[in-house]
Amino acid sequence: MKEEEMEREALKVKRMLESKDYQTSLRKAVVRNLVGEEKIGFSIVASKGEHVIRWRVLDGRFEVDITLKGEVDEEVAEVKGYHVEKDGEYYKLFKRSKKPFDFSSEVP
């Protein structure tokens, strides 16, 4: 996946989160892998109250990590492909894919 495509997807995710009143931070990263190749990636950290979302794309792989306070329907989240963990009153949803995916329905 080209850098321009990844950046376009990152900006789309950033706008979606800002439309839901999240404070967002978008960063570009250059990472050197074990064989010395440089890989370009983009990451977003967004927060609103006690909810935190971390989204990133690197080398054509997309992932999102959503930390929410409150109740989450674990079965529905797992059907949608999320790994779900509960830590006290917080839930953590994690998903990774080689294709962009919409997670806006999981974001309060």
C-alpha atoms as a PDB file:
ATOM      1  CA  MET A   1       0.000   0.000   0.000  1.00  0.00           C
ATOM      2  CA  LYS A   2       1.343   3.402  -0.959  1.00  0.00           C
ATOM      3  CA  GLU A   3       2.082   6.144   1.533  1.00  0.00           C
ATOM      4  CA  GLU A   4      -0.563   8.425  -0.016  1.00  0.00           C
ATOM      5  CA  GLU A   5      -3.258   5.758   0.378  1.00  0.00           C
ATOM      6  CA  MET A   6      -2.336   5.156   4.017  1.00  0.00           C
ATOM      7  CA  GLU A   7      -2.322   8.890   4.733  1.00  0.00           C
ATOM      8  CA  ARG A   8      -5.715   9.313   3.044  1.00  0.00           C
ATOM      9  CA  GLU A   9      -7.160   6.498   5.191  1.00  0.00           C
ATOM     10  CA  ALA A  10      -5.613   8.029   8.339  1.00  0.00           C
ATOM     11  CA  LEU A  11      -7.165  11.419   7.586  1.00  0.00           C
ATOM     12  CA  LYS A  12     -10.548   9.758   6.994  1.00  0.00           C
ATOM     13  CA  VAL A  13     -10.359   8.024  10.401  1.00  0.00           C
ATOM     14  CA  LYS A  14      -9.231  11.273  12.066  1.00  0.00           C
ATOM     15  CA  ARG A  15     -12.212  13.186  10.628  1.00  0.00           C
ATOM     16  CA  MET A  16     -14.619  10.431  11.744  1.00  0.00           C
ATOM     17  CA  LEU A  17     -13.279  10.571  15.314  1.00  0.00           C
ATOM     18  CA  GLU A  18     -13.335  14.381  15.398  1.00  0.00           C
ATOM     19  CA  SER A  19     -16.967  14.313  14.233  1.00  0.00           C
ATOM     20  CA  LYS A  20     -17.699  12.289  17.392  1.00  0.00           C
ATOM     21  CA  ASP A  21     -15.984  14.988  19.538  1.00  0.00           C
ATOM     22  CA  TYR A  22     -12.735  13.108  20.159  1.00  0.00           C
ATOM     23  CA  GLN A  23      -9.464  14.976  20.659  1.00  0.00           C
ATOM     24  CA  THR A  24      -7.116  13.474  18.062  1.00  0.00           C
ATOM     25  CA  SER A  25      -3.427  13.352  17.295  1.00  0.00           C
ATOM     26  CA  LEU A  26      -2.137  12.073  13.929  1.00  0.00           C
ATOM     27  CA  ARG A  27       1.493  11.043  13.551  1.00  0.00           C
ATOM     28  CA  LYS A  28       3.602   9.763  10.708  1.00  0.00           C
ATOM     29  CA  ALA A  29       6.298   7.226  11.563  1.00  0.00           C
ATOM     30  CA  VAL A  30       9.257   5.835   9.674  1.00  0.00           C
ATOM     31  CA  VAL A  31      10.150   2.410  11.057  1.00  0.00           C
ATOM     32  CA  ARG A  32      13.176   0.327  10.131  1.00  0.00           C
ATOM     33  CA  ASN A  33      12.458  -3.409  10.179  1.00  0.00           C
ATOM     34  CA  LEU A  34      14.898  -6.218  11.026  1.00  0.00           C
ATOM     35  CA  VAL A  35      16.297  -6.425   7.500  1.00  0.00           C
ATOM     36  CA  GLY A  36      16.922  -2.675   7.376  1.00  0.00           C
ATOM     37  CA  GLU A  37      13.980  -1.660   5.173  1.00  0.00           C
ATOM     38  CA  GLU A  38      12.201   1.557   6.040  1.00  0.00           C
ATOM     39  CA  LYS A  39       8.432   1.321   6.396  1.00  0.00           C
ATOM     40  CA  ILE A  40       6.092   4.307   6.559  1.00  0.00           C
ATOM     41  CA  GLY A  41       3.112   4.249   8.884  1.00  0.00           C
ATOM     42  CA  PHE A  42       0.497   6.517  10.398  1.00  0.00           C
ATOM     43  CA  SER A  43      -1.057   6.389  13.838  1.00  0.00           C
ATOM     44  CA  ILE A  44      -3.883   8.191  15.570  1.00  0.00           C
ATOM     45  CA  VAL A  45      -4.516   8.518  19.277  1.00  0.00           C
ATOM     46  CA  ALA A  46      -7.948   9.864  20.172  1.00  0.00           C
ATOM     47  CA  SER A  47      -9.597  10.444  23.522  1.00  0.00           C
ATOM     48  CA  LYS A  48     -12.907  11.638  24.888  1.00  0.00           C
ATOM     49  CA  GLY A  49     -13.432  11.447  28.630  1.00  0.00           C
ATOM     50  CA  GLU A  50     -12.380   7.965  29.711  1.00  0.00           C
ATOM     51  CA  HIS A  51     -12.537   6.458  26.201  1.00  0.00           C
ATOM     52  CA  VAL A  52      -9.249   6.041  24.305  1.00  0.00           C
ATOM     53  CA  ILE A  53      -8.771   4.864  20.719  1.00  0.00           C
ATOM     54  CA  ARG A  54      -5.470   3.942  19.116  1.00  0.00           C
ATOM     55  CA  TRP A  55      -5.532   3.336  15.361  1.00  0.00           C
ATOM     56  CA  ARG A  56      -2.601   2.647  13.081  1.00  0.00           C
ATOM     57  CA  VAL A  57      -1.606   1.529   9.626  1.00  0.00           C
ATOM     58  CA  LEU A  58       1.871   0.247   8.854  1.00  0.00           C
ATOM     59  CA  ASP A  59       2.953  -1.580   5.719  1.00  0.00           C
ATOM     60  CA  GLY A  60      -0.657  -2.146   4.633  1.00  0.00           C
ATOM     61  CA  ARG A  61      -1.794  -3.623   7.976  1.00  0.00           C
ATOM     62  CA  PHE A  62      -4.547  -1.860   9.881  1.00  0.00           C
ATOM     63  CA  GLU A  63      -5.267  -2.182  13.576  1.00  0.00           C
ATOM     64  CA  VAL A  64      -7.437  -0.499  16.143  1.00  0.00           C
ATOM     65  CA  ASP A  65      -7.336  -0.681  19.932  1.00  0.00           C
ATOM     66  CA  ILE A  66     -10.410   0.756  21.677  1.00  0.00           C
ATOM     67  CA  THR A  67     -10.566   1.205  25.466  1.00  0.00           C
ATOM     68  CA  LEU A  68     -14.067   1.960  26.760  1.00  0.00           C
ATOM     69  CA  LYS A  69     -15.535   2.525  30.194  1.00  0.00           C
ATOM     70  CA  GLY A  70     -18.914   0.865  30.611  1.00  0.00           C
ATOM     71  CA  GLU A  71     -20.641  -2.157  29.155  1.00  0.00           C
ATOM     72  CA  VAL A  72     -19.808  -3.851  25.862  1.00  0.00           C
ATOM     73  CA  ASP A  73     -21.715  -6.725  24.279  1.00  0.00           C
ATOM     74  CA  GLU A  74     -18.799  -9.154  24.064  1.00  0.00           C
ATOM     75  CA  GLU A  75     -20.566 -11.633  21.779  1.00  0.00           C
ATOM     76  CA  VAL A  76     -21.431  -8.972  19.198  1.00  0.00           C
ATOM     77  CA  ALA A  77     -17.893  -7.552  19.321  1.00  0.00           C
ATOM     78  CA  GLU A  78     -16.366 -11.013  18.824  1.00  0.00           C
ATOM     79  CA  VAL A  79     -18.694 -11.723  15.891  1.00  0.00           C
ATOM     80  CA  LYS A  80     -17.409  -8.488  14.297  1.00  0.00           C
ATOM     81  CA  GLY A  81     -13.847  -9.801  14.656  1.00  0.00           C
ATOM     82  CA  TYR A  82     -12.679  -8.006  17.797  1.00  0.00           C
ATOM     83  CA  HIS A  83     -10.608  -9.565  20.544  1.00  0.00           C
ATOM     84  CA  VAL A  84     -12.277  -8.472  23.809  1.00  0.00           C
ATOM     85  CA  GLU A  85     -10.650  -8.086  27.237  1.00  0.00           C
ATOM     86  CA  LYS A  86     -12.249  -6.827  30.446  1.00  0.00           C
ATOM     87  CA  ASP A  87     -10.168  -5.001  33.046  1.00  0.00           C
ATOM     88  CA  GLY A  88     -12.298  -3.861  35.969  1.00  0.00           C
ATOM     89  CA  GLU A  89     -14.828  -1.385  34.616  1.00  0.00           C
ATOM     90  CA  TYR A  90     -12.977  -0.980  31.301  1.00  0.00           C
ATOM     91  CA  TYR A  91     -13.272  -3.021  28.124  1.00  0.00           C
ATOM     92  CA  LYS A  92     -10.548  -3.259  25.513  1.00  0.00           C
ATOM     93  CA  LEU A  93     -11.437  -4.153  21.912  1.00  0.00           C
ATOM     94  CA  PHE A  94      -8.664  -5.009  19.474  1.00  0.00           C
ATOM     95  CA  LYS A  95      -8.821  -5.821  15.776  1.00  0.00           C
ATOM     96  CA  ARG A  96      -6.208  -6.226  13.034  1.00  0.00           C
ATOM     97  CA  SER A  97      -6.743  -6.583   9.281  1.00  0.00           C
ATOM     98  CA  LYS A  98      -4.946  -6.271   5.960  1.00  0.00           C
ATOM     99  CA  LYS A  99      -7.840  -4.162   4.649  1.00  0.00           C
ATOM    100  CA  PRO A 100      -9.316  -0.929   6.006  1.00  0.00           C
ATOM    101  CA  PHE A 101     -12.374  -1.568   8.166  1.00  0.00           C
ATOM    102  CA  ASP A 102     -15.073   0.612   9.698  1.00  0.00           C
ATOM    103  CA  PHE A 103     -15.106   0.702  13.479  1.00  0.00           C
ATOM    104  CA  SER A 104     -17.323   3.777  13.916  1.00  0.00           C
ATOM    105  CA  SER A 105     -20.186   1.706  15.359  1.00  0.00           C
ATOM    106  CA  GLU A 106     -17.912   0.675  18.261  1.00  0.00           C
ATOM    107  CA  VAL A 107     -17.035   4.285  19.119  1.00  0.00           C
ATOM    108  CA  PRO A 108     -19.397   6.080  21.530  1.00  0.00           C
END
